[in-house]
Amino acid sequence: MAYVKSIIFIIVLLFLITFGVNNNQPALLSYYFNITTGTIPLYGIVYISIIIGIIIGMIVGVSTRITLSRKARRVQRENRELREKIEKLEEERKEEQEEEERIERED
């Protein structure tokens, strides 16, 4: 499995390098209120956009994991409480059956 990951990593790395070499034309970014940047290579803009997207995705993923872990803890607690109730009811049922058997033997 490590070989497959290494091969995929090398392919992605080669793709990023060739993309950067083929797209090194300077680009000027203009923002609102006439704010502009200096010239940045086109591949730099693309790479920065990808990195920002990855960071946003990670933030959303972390918040989802936190929510799911809280929900899992709550469900586990409910499950434990229900198992305890089942055990208690089974004990009560067993005691009732023993009591009924005792009554039947006395008759």
N, C-alpha and C. Protein backbone atom coordinates (compact mmCIF):
# COMPACT_ATOMS: atom_id res chain seq x y z
N MET A 1 0.82 -1.20 0.00
CA MET A 1 0.00 0.00 0.00
C MET A 1 0.86 1.26 0.00
N ALA A 2 2.01 1.19 0.65
CA ALA A 2 2.90 2.34 0.69
C ALA A 2 3.42 2.67 -0.70
N TYR A 3 3.62 1.64 -1.52
CA TYR A 3 4.08 1.88 -2.89
C TYR A 3 3.04 2.63 -3.70
N VAL A 4 1.79 2.25 -3.52
CA VAL A 4 0.71 2.91 -4.26
C VAL A 4 0.62 4.38 -3.86
N LYS A 5 0.70 4.65 -2.55
CA LYS A 5 0.66 6.04 -2.08
C LYS A 5 1.84 6.83 -2.63
N SER A 6 3.01 6.21 -2.65
CA SER A 6 4.20 6.90 -3.17
C SER A 6 4.07 7.20 -4.65
N ILE A 7 3.55 6.26 -5.40
CA ILE A 7 3.37 6.47 -6.84
C ILE A 7 2.36 7.58 -7.09
N ILE A 8 1.25 7.57 -6.36
CA ILE A 8 0.24 8.62 -6.51
C ILE A 8 0.81 9.97 -6.12
N PHE A 9 1.60 10.02 -5.05
CA PHE A 9 2.23 11.27 -4.62
C PHE A 9 3.17 11.80 -5.70
N ILE A 10 3.96 10.93 -6.29
CA ILE A 10 4.90 11.35 -7.35
C ILE A 10 4.14 11.85 -8.57
N ILE A 11 3.05 11.19 -8.94
CA ILE A 11 2.26 11.63 -10.10
C ILE A 11 1.67 13.01 -9.83
N VAL A 12 1.10 13.21 -8.65
CA VAL A 12 0.51 14.52 -8.31
C VAL A 12 1.60 15.59 -8.28
N LEU A 13 2.74 15.27 -7.71
CA LEU A 13 3.85 16.22 -7.65
C LEU A 13 4.33 16.60 -9.05
N LEU A 14 4.48 15.62 -9.93
CA LEU A 14 4.88 15.91 -11.31
C LEU A 14 3.83 16.77 -12.01
N PHE A 15 2.55 16.50 -11.76
CA PHE A 15 1.49 17.31 -12.34
C PHE A 15 1.59 18.75 -11.87
N LEU A 16 1.81 18.95 -10.56
CA LEU A 16 1.91 20.31 -10.03
C LEU A 16 3.13 21.04 -10.60
N ILE A 17 4.25 20.35 -10.73
CA ILE A 17 5.46 20.98 -11.27
C ILE A 17 5.26 21.37 -12.73
N THR A 18 4.73 20.44 -13.54
CA THR A 18 4.52 20.77 -14.96
C THR A 18 3.46 21.84 -15.13
N PHE A 19 2.45 21.85 -14.27
CA PHE A 19 1.45 22.90 -14.32
C PHE A 19 2.08 24.25 -14.05
N GLY A 20 2.94 24.30 -13.03
CA GLY A 20 3.61 25.55 -12.69
C GLY A 20 4.52 26.03 -13.80
N VAL A 21 5.24 25.13 -14.44
CA VAL A 21 6.14 25.51 -15.53
C VAL A 21 5.36 26.03 -16.73
N ASN A 22 4.24 25.41 -17.03
CA ASN A 22 3.44 25.81 -18.20
C ASN A 22 2.57 27.04 -17.95
N ASN A 23 2.37 27.43 -16.70
CA ASN A 23 1.49 28.56 -16.38
C ASN A 23 2.21 29.59 -15.51
N ASN A 24 3.38 30.02 -15.96
CA ASN A 24 4.13 30.99 -15.17
C ASN A 24 3.95 32.42 -15.67
N GLN A 25 2.90 32.68 -16.44
CA GLN A 25 2.64 34.05 -16.91
C GLN A 25 2.24 34.92 -15.73
N PRO A 26 2.69 36.16 -15.70
CA PRO A 26 2.32 37.04 -14.60
C PRO A 26 0.84 37.44 -14.67
N ALA A 27 0.22 37.54 -13.53
CA ALA A 27 -1.18 37.95 -13.46
C ALA A 27 -1.31 39.03 -12.40
N LEU A 28 -2.22 39.97 -12.63
CA LEU A 28 -2.46 41.06 -11.70
C LEU A 28 -3.86 40.88 -11.12
N LEU A 29 -3.95 40.81 -9.82
CA LEU A 29 -5.24 40.65 -9.16
C LEU A 29 -5.77 42.01 -8.73
N SER A 30 -7.04 42.24 -9.03
CA SER A 30 -7.71 43.47 -8.60
C SER A 30 -8.82 43.11 -7.63
N TYR A 31 -8.84 43.80 -6.50
CA TYR A 31 -9.85 43.58 -5.49
C TYR A 31 -10.81 44.76 -5.48
N TYR A 32 -11.73 44.75 -4.53
CA TYR A 32 -12.66 45.86 -4.39
C TYR A 32 -11.90 47.10 -3.91
N PHE A 33 -12.48 48.24 -4.12
CA PHE A 33 -11.95 49.54 -3.69
C PHE A 33 -10.58 49.81 -4.32
N ASN A 34 -10.39 49.38 -5.54
CA ASN A 34 -9.17 49.62 -6.33
C ASN A 34 -7.90 49.11 -5.65
N ILE A 35 -8.03 48.04 -4.90
CA ILE A 35 -6.85 47.41 -4.30
C ILE A 35 -6.34 46.37 -5.29
N THR A 36 -5.06 46.47 -5.61
CA THR A 36 -4.45 45.53 -6.55
C THR A 36 -3.19 44.94 -5.93
N THR A 37 -2.82 43.79 -6.42
CA THR A 37 -1.60 43.15 -5.96
C THR A 37 -0.52 43.36 -7.02
N GLY A 38 0.68 43.05 -6.64
CA GLY A 38 1.73 43.04 -7.64
C GLY A 38 1.51 41.85 -8.56
N THR A 39 2.35 41.72 -9.52
CA THR A 39 2.18 40.59 -10.43
C THR A 39 2.56 39.29 -9.72
N ILE A 40 1.70 38.32 -9.88
CA ILE A 40 1.89 37.00 -9.29
C ILE A 40 1.80 35.99 -10.42
N PRO A 41 2.66 34.98 -10.42
CA PRO A 41 2.52 33.96 -11.46
C PRO A 41 1.15 33.29 -11.39
N LEU A 42 0.62 32.94 -12.54
CA LEU A 42 -0.70 32.34 -12.61
C LEU A 42 -0.79 31.06 -11.78
N TYR A 43 0.25 30.25 -11.81
CA TYR A 43 0.22 29.01 -11.03
C TYR A 43 0.17 29.31 -9.53
N GLY A 44 0.74 30.42 -9.10
CA GLY A 44 0.68 30.81 -7.70
C GLY A 44 -0.74 31.10 -7.26
N ILE A 45 -1.50 31.77 -8.12
CA ILE A 45 -2.90 32.07 -7.81
C ILE A 45 -3.69 30.77 -7.69
N VAL A 46 -3.45 29.85 -8.62
CA VAL A 46 -4.16 28.57 -8.59
C VAL A 46 -3.79 27.79 -7.33
N TYR A 47 -2.50 27.72 -7.02
CA TYR A 47 -2.05 26.97 -5.84
C TYR A 47 -2.61 27.58 -4.56
N ILE A 48 -2.61 28.89 -4.47
CA ILE A 48 -3.15 29.56 -3.27
C ILE A 48 -4.64 29.26 -3.14
N SER A 49 -5.36 29.28 -4.27
CA SER A 49 -6.79 28.97 -4.24
C SER A 49 -7.03 27.54 -3.77
N ILE A 50 -6.21 26.62 -4.25
CA ILE A 50 -6.35 25.22 -3.83
C ILE A 50 -6.08 25.09 -2.33
N ILE A 51 -5.03 25.74 -1.85
CA ILE A 51 -4.69 25.66 -0.43
C ILE A 51 -5.79 26.25 0.44
N ILE A 52 -6.35 27.38 0.02
CA ILE A 52 -7.45 27.99 0.77
C ILE A 52 -8.66 27.05 0.78
N GLY A 53 -8.95 26.42 -0.34
CA GLY A 53 -10.05 25.46 -0.41
C GLY A 53 -9.83 24.28 0.51
N ILE A 54 -8.60 23.77 0.56
CA ILE A 54 -8.29 22.65 1.44
C ILE A 54 -8.47 23.06 2.90
N ILE A 55 -8.01 24.25 3.25
CA ILE A 55 -8.14 24.73 4.64
C ILE A 55 -9.61 24.88 5.01
N ILE A 56 -10.42 25.45 4.13
CA ILE A 56 -11.85 25.60 4.41
C ILE A 56 -12.50 24.22 4.55
N GLY A 57 -12.13 23.29 3.68
CA GLY A 57 -12.67 21.93 3.77
C GLY A 57 -12.29 21.26 5.07
N MET A 58 -11.06 21.48 5.52
CA MET A 58 -10.62 20.89 6.79
C MET A 58 -11.39 21.48 7.96
N ILE A 59 -11.64 22.79 7.92
CA ILE A 59 -12.41 23.43 9.00
C ILE A 59 -13.82 22.86 9.05
N VAL A 60 -14.45 22.72 7.89
CA VAL A 60 -15.80 22.15 7.84
C VAL A 60 -15.76 20.70 8.31
N GLY A 61 -14.74 19.95 7.91
CA GLY A 61 -14.61 18.56 8.32
C GLY A 61 -14.43 18.42 9.82
N VAL A 62 -13.63 19.31 10.41
CA VAL A 62 -13.41 19.25 11.86
C VAL A 62 -14.70 19.57 12.60
N SER A 63 -15.43 20.57 12.15
CA SER A 63 -16.68 20.90 12.83
C SER A 63 -17.68 19.76 12.70
N THR A 64 -17.71 19.09 11.56
CA THR A 64 -18.59 17.94 11.39
C THR A 64 -18.18 16.80 12.31
N ARG A 65 -16.89 16.56 12.42
CA ARG A 65 -16.41 15.49 13.31
C ARG A 65 -16.75 15.78 14.76
N ILE A 66 -16.62 17.04 15.17
CA ILE A 66 -16.95 17.40 16.55
C ILE A 66 -18.44 17.15 16.80
N THR A 67 -19.28 17.56 15.86
CA THR A 67 -20.72 17.35 16.01
C THR A 67 -21.04 15.86 16.08
N LEU A 68 -20.42 15.07 15.19
CA LEU A 68 -20.69 13.64 15.17
C LEU A 68 -20.17 12.94 16.42
N SER A 69 -19.03 13.39 16.94
CA SER A 69 -18.52 12.76 18.16
C SER A 69 -19.41 13.06 19.35
N ARG A 70 -19.95 14.26 19.42
CA ARG A 70 -20.90 14.59 20.49
C ARG A 70 -22.14 13.72 20.37
N LYS A 71 -22.64 13.59 19.15
CA LYS A 71 -23.83 12.78 18.93
C LYS A 71 -23.55 11.31 19.28
N ALA A 72 -22.37 10.82 18.93
CA ALA A 72 -22.01 9.43 19.24
C ALA A 72 -21.93 9.21 20.75
N ARG A 73 -21.36 10.15 21.48
CA ARG A 73 -21.30 10.03 22.94
C ARG A 73 -22.70 10.00 23.54
N ARG A 74 -23.59 10.86 23.02
CA ARG A 74 -24.96 10.90 23.53
C ARG A 74 -25.67 9.57 23.25
N VAL A 75 -25.50 9.04 22.05
CA VAL A 75 -26.13 7.77 21.69
C VAL A 75 -25.56 6.63 22.52
N GLN A 76 -24.25 6.64 22.78
CA GLN A 76 -23.65 5.61 23.62
C GLN A 76 -24.19 5.67 25.04
N ARG A 77 -24.37 6.88 25.56
CA ARG A 77 -24.92 7.04 26.90
C ARG A 77 -26.36 6.51 26.94
N GLU A 78 -27.15 6.86 25.93
CA GLU A 78 -28.53 6.36 25.88
C GLU A 78 -28.54 4.84 25.77
N ASN A 79 -27.64 4.30 24.98
CA ASN A 79 -27.54 2.85 24.81
C ASN A 79 -27.21 2.18 26.15
N ARG A 80 -26.26 2.74 26.88
CA ARG A 80 -25.87 2.20 28.18
C ARG A 80 -27.05 2.25 29.15
N GLU A 81 -27.77 3.38 29.17
CA GLU A 81 -28.93 3.52 30.06
C GLU A 81 -30.02 2.50 29.70
N LEU A 82 -30.25 2.30 28.41
CA LEU A 82 -31.26 1.34 27.99
C LEU A 82 -30.86 -0.08 28.34
N ARG A 83 -29.59 -0.40 28.20
CA ARG A 83 -29.11 -1.74 28.59
C ARG A 83 -29.30 -1.96 30.09
N GLU A 84 -29.03 -0.93 30.87
CA GLU A 84 -29.24 -1.04 32.32
C GLU A 84 -30.71 -1.26 32.64
N LYS A 85 -31.60 -0.56 31.94
CA LYS A 85 -33.03 -0.75 32.15
C LYS A 85 -33.44 -2.17 31.77
N ILE A 86 -32.91 -2.67 30.67
CA ILE A 86 -33.24 -4.03 30.24
C ILE A 86 -32.79 -5.03 31.29
N GLU A 87 -31.57 -4.86 31.80
CA GLU A 87 -31.06 -5.76 32.83
C GLU A 87 -31.95 -5.73 34.07
N LYS A 88 -32.34 -4.51 34.46
CA LYS A 88 -33.20 -4.37 35.64
C LYS A 88 -34.55 -5.03 35.42
N LEU A 89 -35.13 -4.84 34.23
CA LEU A 89 -36.42 -5.47 33.93
C LEU A 89 -36.31 -6.99 33.87
N GLU A 90 -35.21 -7.49 33.33
CA GLU A 90 -35.01 -8.94 33.29
C GLU A 90 -34.89 -9.52 34.70
N GLU A 91 -34.19 -8.80 35.57
CA GLU A 91 -34.08 -9.25 36.96
C GLU A 91 -35.45 -9.26 37.63
N GLU A 92 -36.23 -8.21 37.41
CA GLU A 92 -37.57 -8.13 38.00
C GLU A 92 -38.44 -9.27 37.47
N ARG A 93 -38.36 -9.53 36.17
CA ARG A 93 -39.14 -10.61 35.57
C ARG A 93 -38.73 -11.96 36.15
N LYS A 94 -37.45 -12.14 36.31
CA LYS A 94 -36.96 -13.39 36.89
C LYS A 94 -37.45 -13.55 38.32
N GLU A 95 -37.42 -12.47 39.10
CA GLU A 95 -37.92 -12.52 40.47
C GLU A 95 -39.41 -12.83 40.49
N GLU A 96 -40.18 -12.24 39.56
CA GLU A 96 -41.61 -12.50 39.50
C GLU A 96 -41.88 -13.96 39.15
N GLN A 97 -41.11 -14.49 38.21
CA GLN A 97 -41.28 -15.90 37.84
C GLN A 97 -40.95 -16.81 39.02
N GLU A 98 -39.90 -16.50 39.74
CA GLU A 98 -39.54 -17.30 40.91
C GLU A 98 -40.64 -17.23 41.96
N GLU A 99 -41.20 -16.06 42.14
CA GLU A 99 -42.29 -15.88 43.10
C GLU A 99 -43.52 -16.68 42.66
N GLU A 100 -43.85 -16.66 41.38
CA GLU A 100 -44.99 -17.42 40.86
C GLU A 100 -44.75 -18.92 41.05
N GLU A 101 -43.54 -19.38 40.80
CA GLU A 101 -43.22 -20.79 40.97
C GLU A 101 -43.33 -21.19 42.44
N ARG A 102 -42.89 -20.33 43.32
CA ARG A 102 -42.97 -20.58 44.75
C ARG A 102 -44.44 -20.67 45.19
N ILE A 103 -45.27 -19.78 44.65
CA ILE A 103 -46.70 -19.78 44.99
C ILE A 103 -47.34 -21.05 44.47
N GLU A 104 -46.98 -21.47 43.26
CA GLU A 104 -47.54 -22.68 42.69
C GLU A 104 -47.14 -23.91 43.50
N ARG A 105 -45.95 -23.97 44.00
CA ARG A 105 -45.50 -25.09 44.81
C ARG A 105 -46.21 -25.14 46.15
N GLU A 106 -46.51 -23.98 46.69
CA GLU A 106 -47.21 -23.93 47.97
C GLU A 106 -48.64 -24.40 47.83
N ASP A 107 -49.25 -24.22 46.68
CA ASP A 107 -50.66 -24.63 46.47
C ASP A 107 -50.74 -26.07 46.30
